[in-house]
Amino acid sequence: MTTVRHLLDRKGRALFIIEPEDPVLEAIRLMADRHVGALLVMRGTELAGIVSERDYARKVVLLGRASAETPVWQIMSSPVITVSLETPVQDCMRLMTERRIRHLPAVEDHRVVGMISIGDLVKAVIEEQQQTIEQLESYIHS
């Protein structure tokens, strides 16, 4: 069974963070530069929230707010739904589907140690299915 730990070991544990008082424009620039759809909003080592492209579209663009003048804390999602390193991929998929979210921070000992996206989960499921198909084909041909 594939877990969050397995996914992070493969993809890496880089964290892309922003502070609550930073302007939304800076968050959007960082997401674009890093090719990610969400950032962790941190106060030191404390997870304060998460801000995504969806938050930007719905809470800045549609409301006619100024990106350079709106602080991240005003549009971030909080509290943040998190998972542990031992959470199975299937549980993460169920959680994302039920909560209609696309990113899950992984927490260990009250510290954020990585983040997975819906894309990471889909990739893992496809790889597992491909391995199962190859094993079945091998069994059939032997």
N, C-alpha and C. Protein backbone atom coordinates (compact mmCIF):
# COMPACT_ATOMS: atom_id res chain seq x y z
N MET A 1 0.84 -1.18 0.00
CA MET A 1 0.00 0.00 0.00
C MET A 1 0.89 1.25 0.00
N THR A 2 0.67 2.10 -0.97
CA THR A 2 1.45 3.33 -1.09
C THR A 2 0.95 4.37 -0.08
N THR A 3 1.90 5.00 0.60
CA THR A 3 1.56 6.02 1.59
C THR A 3 2.12 7.38 1.17
N VAL A 4 1.75 8.39 1.93
CA VAL A 4 2.26 9.74 1.70
C VAL A 4 3.78 9.74 1.78
N ARG A 5 4.35 8.99 2.70
CA ARG A 5 5.81 8.90 2.82
C ARG A 5 6.43 8.45 1.49
N HIS A 6 5.84 7.41 0.86
CA HIS A 6 6.36 6.91 -0.42
C HIS A 6 6.31 8.01 -1.49
N LEU A 7 5.19 8.72 -1.54
CA LEU A 7 5.06 9.78 -2.55
C LEU A 7 6.11 10.86 -2.35
N LEU A 8 6.30 11.28 -1.11
CA LEU A 8 7.27 12.34 -0.83
C LEU A 8 8.70 11.88 -1.04
N ASP A 9 8.98 10.60 -0.76
CA ASP A 9 10.32 10.07 -1.02
C ASP A 9 10.64 10.13 -2.51
N ARG A 10 9.63 9.93 -3.35
CA ARG A 10 9.83 9.97 -4.81
C ARG A 10 9.89 11.39 -5.35
N LYS A 11 8.98 12.24 -4.91
CA LYS A 11 8.88 13.58 -5.51
C LYS A 11 9.73 14.62 -4.81
N GLY A 12 10.09 14.37 -3.58
CA GLY A 12 10.85 15.35 -2.82
C GLY A 12 9.97 16.06 -1.81
N ARG A 13 10.62 16.75 -0.90
CA ARG A 13 9.89 17.38 0.20
C ARG A 13 10.02 18.89 0.21
N ALA A 14 10.29 19.45 -0.95
CA ALA A 14 10.41 20.91 -1.02
C ALA A 14 9.10 21.57 -0.59
N LEU A 15 9.23 22.60 0.23
CA LEU A 15 8.07 23.35 0.69
C LEU A 15 8.13 24.75 0.11
N PHE A 16 7.02 25.19 -0.43
CA PHE A 16 6.92 26.54 -0.95
C PHE A 16 5.98 27.30 -0.03
N ILE A 17 6.56 28.30 0.63
CA ILE A 17 5.81 28.98 1.68
C ILE A 17 5.74 30.48 1.44
N ILE A 18 4.77 31.07 2.10
CA ILE A 18 4.60 32.52 2.09
C ILE A 18 4.10 32.91 3.48
N GLU A 19 4.31 34.14 3.86
CA GLU A 19 3.85 34.61 5.16
C GLU A 19 2.48 35.26 5.03
N PRO A 20 1.70 35.23 6.09
CA PRO A 20 0.33 35.77 6.04
C PRO A 20 0.22 37.24 5.64
N GLU A 21 1.21 38.03 6.00
CA GLU A 21 1.16 39.47 5.70
C GLU A 21 1.65 39.82 4.31
N ASP A 22 2.27 38.86 3.61
CA ASP A 22 2.76 39.13 2.26
C ASP A 22 1.59 39.42 1.32
N PRO A 23 1.82 40.25 0.30
CA PRO A 23 0.73 40.54 -0.64
C PRO A 23 0.41 39.32 -1.52
N VAL A 24 -0.84 39.22 -1.89
CA VAL A 24 -1.30 38.13 -2.74
C VAL A 24 -0.51 38.10 -4.05
N LEU A 25 -0.15 39.25 -4.57
CA LEU A 25 0.62 39.30 -5.82
C LEU A 25 1.91 38.51 -5.69
N GLU A 26 2.57 38.61 -4.53
CA GLU A 26 3.80 37.85 -4.30
C GLU A 26 3.51 36.35 -4.29
N ALA A 27 2.40 35.96 -3.72
CA ALA A 27 2.01 34.54 -3.69
C ALA A 27 1.80 34.01 -5.11
N ILE A 28 1.12 34.79 -5.93
CA ILE A 28 0.86 34.37 -7.31
C ILE A 28 2.16 34.27 -8.10
N ARG A 29 3.05 35.22 -7.89
CA ARG A 29 4.36 35.17 -8.56
C ARG A 29 5.14 33.91 -8.15
N LEU A 30 5.13 33.61 -6.86
CA LEU A 30 5.85 32.44 -6.37
C LEU A 30 5.25 31.15 -6.93
N MET A 31 3.93 31.07 -6.98
CA MET A 31 3.29 29.88 -7.55
C MET A 31 3.68 29.73 -9.03
N ALA A 32 3.68 30.82 -9.76
CA ALA A 32 4.06 30.77 -11.17
C ALA A 32 5.52 30.37 -11.35
N ASP A 33 6.41 30.96 -10.56
CA ASP A 33 7.84 30.66 -10.64
C ASP A 33 8.14 29.21 -10.32
N ARG A 34 7.44 28.65 -9.35
CA ARG A 34 7.69 27.28 -8.88
C ARG A 34 6.81 26.24 -9.55
N HIS A 35 5.90 26.70 -10.41
CA HIS A 35 4.98 25.80 -11.12
C HIS A 35 4.16 24.95 -10.16
N VAL A 36 3.60 25.61 -9.15
CA VAL A 36 2.75 24.92 -8.17
C VAL A 36 1.41 25.65 -8.10
N GLY A 37 0.40 24.95 -7.61
CA GLY A 37 -0.94 25.53 -7.53
C GLY A 37 -1.32 26.03 -6.16
N ALA A 38 -0.42 25.85 -5.17
CA ALA A 38 -0.74 26.29 -3.81
C ALA A 38 0.54 26.50 -3.02
N LEU A 39 0.43 27.36 -2.02
CA LEU A 39 1.55 27.63 -1.11
C LEU A 39 1.08 27.43 0.33
N LEU A 40 2.00 27.00 1.15
CA LEU A 40 1.74 26.94 2.59
C LEU A 40 1.89 28.34 3.16
N VAL A 41 0.97 28.74 4.00
CA VAL A 41 1.07 30.05 4.67
C VAL A 41 1.57 29.75 6.07
N MET A 42 2.79 30.23 6.36
CA MET A 42 3.45 29.89 7.61
C MET A 42 3.77 31.13 8.43
N ARG A 43 3.58 30.98 9.75
CA ARG A 43 4.06 31.97 10.73
C ARG A 43 5.21 31.28 11.45
N GLY A 44 6.41 31.50 11.01
CA GLY A 44 7.56 30.77 11.56
C GLY A 44 7.42 29.31 11.17
N THR A 45 7.30 28.42 12.16
CA THR A 45 7.13 27.00 11.88
C THR A 45 5.67 26.55 11.99
N GLU A 46 4.78 27.50 12.29
CA GLU A 46 3.36 27.19 12.46
C GLU A 46 2.61 27.31 11.13
N LEU A 47 1.84 26.28 10.80
CA LEU A 47 1.01 26.29 9.60
C LEU A 47 -0.24 27.12 9.87
N ALA A 48 -0.33 28.28 9.23
CA ALA A 48 -1.46 29.19 9.45
C ALA A 48 -2.58 28.96 8.44
N GLY A 49 -2.22 28.50 7.26
CA GLY A 49 -3.22 28.31 6.21
C GLY A 49 -2.58 27.81 4.93
N ILE A 50 -3.38 27.76 3.89
CA ILE A 50 -2.90 27.40 2.57
C ILE A 50 -3.58 28.34 1.59
N VAL A 51 -2.84 28.80 0.60
CA VAL A 51 -3.40 29.69 -0.41
C VAL A 51 -3.18 29.06 -1.78
N SER A 52 -4.24 29.04 -2.58
CA SER A 52 -4.19 28.38 -3.87
C SER A 52 -4.62 29.33 -4.99
N GLU A 53 -4.40 28.88 -6.21
CA GLU A 53 -4.86 29.64 -7.36
C GLU A 53 -6.38 29.80 -7.31
N ARG A 54 -7.05 28.79 -6.80
CA ARG A 54 -8.51 28.86 -6.66
C ARG A 54 -8.91 29.96 -5.68
N ASP A 55 -8.19 30.06 -4.55
CA ASP A 55 -8.46 31.14 -3.60
C ASP A 55 -8.29 32.50 -4.28
N TYR A 56 -7.24 32.62 -5.07
CA TYR A 56 -6.97 33.87 -5.77
C TYR A 56 -8.12 34.21 -6.73
N ALA A 57 -8.52 33.23 -7.52
CA ALA A 57 -9.57 33.48 -8.50
C ALA A 57 -10.89 33.88 -7.83
N ARG A 58 -11.23 33.19 -6.77
CA ARG A 58 -12.53 33.42 -6.13
C ARG A 58 -12.56 34.59 -5.15
N LYS A 59 -11.44 34.85 -4.51
CA LYS A 59 -11.45 35.84 -3.43
C LYS A 59 -10.74 37.15 -3.78
N VAL A 60 -10.08 37.18 -4.92
CA VAL A 60 -9.42 38.42 -5.35
C VAL A 60 -10.01 38.86 -6.69
N VAL A 61 -9.83 38.04 -7.71
CA VAL A 61 -10.26 38.42 -9.06
C VAL A 61 -11.77 38.67 -9.11
N LEU A 62 -12.57 37.72 -8.67
CA LEU A 62 -14.02 37.87 -8.77
C LEU A 62 -14.57 38.99 -7.89
N LEU A 63 -13.87 39.33 -6.84
CA LEU A 63 -14.33 40.40 -5.94
C LEU A 63 -13.71 41.76 -6.27
N GLY A 64 -12.88 41.79 -7.30
CA GLY A 64 -12.29 43.05 -7.74
C GLY A 64 -11.27 43.63 -6.78
N ARG A 65 -10.62 42.79 -6.00
CA ARG A 65 -9.61 43.27 -5.05
C ARG A 65 -8.28 43.49 -5.78
N ALA A 66 -7.41 44.25 -5.15
CA ALA A 66 -6.09 44.52 -5.71
C ALA A 66 -5.09 43.50 -5.16
N SER A 67 -4.45 42.76 -6.05
CA SER A 67 -3.49 41.72 -5.66
C SER A 67 -2.31 42.26 -4.87
N ALA A 68 -1.86 43.44 -5.24
CA ALA A 68 -0.69 44.02 -4.59
C ALA A 68 -1.01 44.58 -3.20
N GLU A 69 -2.29 44.82 -2.93
CA GLU A 69 -2.67 45.44 -1.66
C GLU A 69 -3.38 44.48 -0.70
N THR A 70 -3.75 43.31 -1.18
CA THR A 70 -4.46 42.35 -0.34
C THR A 70 -3.46 41.39 0.29
N PRO A 71 -3.44 41.29 1.63
CA PRO A 71 -2.53 40.33 2.26
C PRO A 71 -3.05 38.90 2.11
N VAL A 72 -2.14 37.97 2.07
CA VAL A 72 -2.46 36.56 1.89
C VAL A 72 -3.45 36.07 2.95
N TRP A 73 -3.31 36.51 4.20
CA TRP A 73 -4.17 36.00 5.27
C TRP A 73 -5.64 36.25 5.00
N GLN A 74 -5.96 37.27 4.18
CA GLN A 74 -7.35 37.58 3.90
C GLN A 74 -8.01 36.60 2.93
N ILE A 75 -7.20 35.86 2.19
CA ILE A 75 -7.79 34.93 1.21
C ILE A 75 -7.41 33.47 1.45
N MET A 76 -6.50 33.21 2.38
CA MET A 76 -6.04 31.83 2.60
C MET A 76 -7.16 30.97 3.18
N SER A 77 -7.04 29.67 2.97
CA SER A 77 -7.95 28.71 3.57
C SER A 77 -7.37 28.25 4.90
N SER A 78 -8.21 28.28 5.92
CA SER A 78 -7.78 27.89 7.26
C SER A 78 -9.01 27.49 8.05
N PRO A 79 -8.94 26.49 8.89
CA PRO A 79 -7.77 25.65 9.19
C PRO A 79 -7.46 24.71 8.01
N VAL A 80 -6.24 24.22 8.01
CA VAL A 80 -5.76 23.39 6.92
C VAL A 80 -5.98 21.91 7.24
N ILE A 81 -6.46 21.18 6.27
CA ILE A 81 -6.60 19.73 6.40
C ILE A 81 -5.24 19.13 6.09
N THR A 82 -4.72 18.31 6.99
CA THR A 82 -3.40 17.71 6.83
C THR A 82 -3.49 16.20 6.91
N VAL A 83 -2.40 15.55 6.50
CA VAL A 83 -2.28 14.09 6.60
C VAL A 83 -0.93 13.76 7.24
N SER A 84 -0.80 12.51 7.67
CA SER A 84 0.48 12.05 8.22
C SER A 84 1.26 11.35 7.11
N LEU A 85 2.50 11.05 7.40
CA LEU A 85 3.33 10.33 6.43
C LEU A 85 2.83 8.91 6.19
N GLU A 86 2.09 8.37 7.14
CA GLU A 86 1.60 6.98 7.02
C GLU A 86 0.21 6.89 6.39
N THR A 87 -0.38 8.02 6.02
CA THR A 87 -1.71 7.99 5.41
C THR A 87 -1.64 7.33 4.04
N PRO A 88 -2.49 6.33 3.79
CA PRO A 88 -2.50 5.67 2.48
C PRO A 88 -3.02 6.61 1.37
N VAL A 89 -2.53 6.38 0.17
CA VAL A 89 -2.93 7.18 -0.99
C VAL A 89 -4.44 7.17 -1.17
N GLN A 90 -5.07 6.01 -1.01
CA GLN A 90 -6.52 5.92 -1.19
C GLN A 90 -7.26 6.83 -0.20
N ASP A 91 -6.78 6.92 1.04
CA ASP A 91 -7.40 7.80 2.03
C ASP A 91 -7.24 9.26 1.64
N CYS A 92 -6.09 9.60 1.09
CA CYS A 92 -5.84 10.97 0.63
C CYS A 92 -6.80 11.33 -0.51
N MET A 93 -6.98 10.39 -1.43
CA MET A 93 -7.89 10.64 -2.56
C MET A 93 -9.32 10.85 -2.06
N ARG A 94 -9.74 10.03 -1.12
CA ARG A 94 -11.08 10.16 -0.57
C ARG A 94 -11.24 11.51 0.12
N LEU A 95 -10.24 11.90 0.91
CA LEU A 95 -10.26 13.17 1.62
C LEU A 95 -10.33 14.35 0.66
N MET A 96 -9.52 14.31 -0.37
CA MET A 96 -9.53 15.40 -1.35
C MET A 96 -10.87 15.48 -2.08
N THR A 97 -11.42 14.34 -2.42
CA THR A 97 -12.71 14.32 -3.11
C THR A 97 -13.82 14.85 -2.21
N GLU A 98 -13.87 14.36 -0.99
CA GLU A 98 -14.93 14.79 -0.06
C GLU A 98 -14.84 16.27 0.28
N ARG A 99 -13.63 16.76 0.48
CA ARG A 99 -13.43 18.16 0.90
C ARG A 99 -13.25 19.11 -0.28
N ARG A 100 -13.19 18.56 -1.48
CA ARG A 100 -13.02 19.36 -2.70
C ARG A 100 -11.77 20.24 -2.63
N ILE A 101 -10.66 19.59 -2.28
CA ILE A 101 -9.37 20.27 -2.20
C ILE A 101 -8.38 19.57 -3.12
N ARG A 102 -7.29 20.23 -3.42
CA ARG A 102 -6.31 19.68 -4.36
C ARG A 102 -4.92 19.51 -3.78
N HIS A 103 -4.72 19.97 -2.54
CA HIS A 103 -3.41 19.89 -1.91
C HIS A 103 -3.55 19.49 -0.45
N LEU A 104 -2.62 18.64 0.01
CA LEU A 104 -2.62 18.18 1.39
C LEU A 104 -1.20 18.29 1.97
N PRO A 105 -1.01 19.14 2.96
CA PRO A 105 0.28 19.16 3.65
C PRO A 105 0.44 17.89 4.49
N ALA A 106 1.66 17.36 4.51
CA ALA A 106 1.98 16.20 5.35
C ALA A 106 2.68 16.72 6.60
N VAL A 107 2.20 16.24 7.76
CA VAL A 107 2.71 16.72 9.04
C VAL A 107 3.27 15.55 9.84
N GLU A 108 4.43 15.80 10.47
CA GLU A 108 5.04 14.81 11.35
C GLU A 108 5.55 15.56 12.58
N ASP A 109 5.18 15.11 13.75
CA ASP A 109 5.58 15.77 15.01
C ASP A 109 5.23 17.25 14.99
N HIS A 110 4.03 17.59 14.51
CA HIS A 110 3.51 18.96 14.47
C HIS A 110 4.31 19.88 13.54
N ARG A 111 5.09 19.30 12.62
CA ARG A 111 5.85 20.08 11.64
C ARG A 111 5.44 19.66 10.24
N VAL A 112 5.31 20.63 9.35
CA VAL A 112 5.02 20.32 7.95
C VAL A 112 6.30 19.77 7.32
N VAL A 113 6.19 18.59 6.71
CA VAL A 113 7.36 17.94 6.12
C VAL A 113 7.24 17.73 4.62
N GLY A 114 6.13 18.14 4.03
CA GLY A 114 5.93 17.99 2.60
C GLY A 114 4.51 18.32 2.22
N MET A 115 4.24 18.33 0.93
CA MET A 115 2.88 18.56 0.46
C MET A 115 2.64 17.72 -0.78
N ILE A 116 1.46 17.10 -0.84
CA ILE A 116 1.10 16.32 -2.02
C ILE A 116 -0.09 16.99 -2.70
N SER A 117 -0.17 16.76 -4.00
CA SER A 117 -1.26 17.33 -4.79
C SER A 117 -2.09 16.20 -5.38
N ILE A 118 -3.22 16.56 -5.92
CA ILE A 118 -4.07 15.58 -6.57
C ILE A 118 -3.30 14.93 -7.74
N GLY A 119 -2.46 15.70 -8.39
CA GLY A 119 -1.65 15.15 -9.49
C GLY A 119 -0.70 14.06 -9.01
N ASP A 120 -0.11 14.26 -7.82
CA ASP A 120 0.77 13.25 -7.24
C ASP A 120 0.00 11.95 -6.99
N LEU A 121 -1.23 12.09 -6.49
CA LEU A 121 -2.04 10.92 -6.18
C LEU A 121 -2.47 10.18 -7.45
N VAL A 122 -2.88 10.92 -8.45
CA VAL A 122 -3.29 10.30 -9.71
C VAL A 122 -2.11 9.54 -10.33
N LYS A 123 -0.95 10.15 -10.31
CA LYS A 123 0.25 9.50 -10.84
C LYS A 123 0.54 8.20 -10.10
N ALA A 124 0.43 8.22 -8.78
CA ALA A 124 0.69 7.02 -7.97
C ALA A 124 -0.31 5.92 -8.27
N VAL A 125 -1.57 6.27 -8.41
CA VAL A 125 -2.60 5.27 -8.71
C VAL A 125 -2.37 4.66 -10.09
N ILE A 126 -2.03 5.48 -11.05
CA ILE A 126 -1.76 4.98 -12.41
C ILE A 126 -0.57 4.02 -12.38
N GLU A 127 0.49 4.37 -11.64
CA GLU A 127 1.66 3.50 -11.55
C GLU A 127 1.30 2.17 -10.89
N GLU A 128 0.49 2.20 -9.84
CA GLU A 128 0.07 0.97 -9.17
C GLU A 128 -0.75 0.10 -10.11
N GLN A 129 -1.64 0.71 -10.87
CA GLN A 129 -2.47 -0.05 -11.81
C GLN A 129 -1.61 -0.67 -12.91
N GLN A 130 -0.63 0.07 -13.38
CA GLN A 130 0.27 -0.45 -14.42
C GLN A 130 1.06 -1.65 -13.91
N GLN A 131 1.53 -1.58 -12.67
CA GLN A 131 2.25 -2.71 -12.08
C GLN A 131 1.34 -3.93 -11.95
N THR A 132 0.10 -3.72 -11.57
CA THR A 132 -0.85 -4.83 -11.45
C THR A 132 -1.11 -5.46 -12.80
N ILE A 133 -1.27 -4.66 -13.82
CA ILE A 133 -1.49 -5.17 -15.18
C ILE A 133 -0.30 -5.99 -15.64
N GLU A 134 0.91 -5.47 -15.40
CA GLU A 134 2.12 -6.20 -15.81
C GLU A 134 2.24 -7.53 -15.06
N GLN A 135 1.92 -7.55 -13.78
CA GLN A 135 1.97 -8.79 -13.01
C GLN A 135 0.94 -9.80 -13.52
N LEU A 136 -0.25 -9.34 -13.83
CA LEU A 136 -1.29 -10.23 -14.35
C LEU A 136 -0.92 -10.77 -15.72
N GLU A 137 -0.36 -9.93 -16.58
CA GLU A 137 0.07 -10.38 -17.89
C GLU A 137 1.17 -11.42 -17.78
N SER A 138 2.09 -11.18 -16.85
CA SER A 138 3.18 -12.13 -16.64
C SER A 138 2.64 -13.47 -16.14
N TYR A 139 1.68 -13.42 -15.24
CA TYR A 139 1.06 -14.63 -14.71
C TYR A 139 0.34 -15.40 -15.81
N ILE A 140 -0.39 -14.68 -16.64
CA ILE A 140 -1.13 -15.32 -17.74
C ILE A 140 -0.20 -15.98 -18.74
N HIS A 141 0.92 -15.36 -19.05
CA HIS A 141 1.87 -15.88 -20.05
C HIS A 141 2.78 -16.97 -19.50
N SER A 142 2.76 -17.18 -18.19
CA SER A 142 3.67 -18.21 -17.65
C SER A 142 2.99 -19.56 -17.49
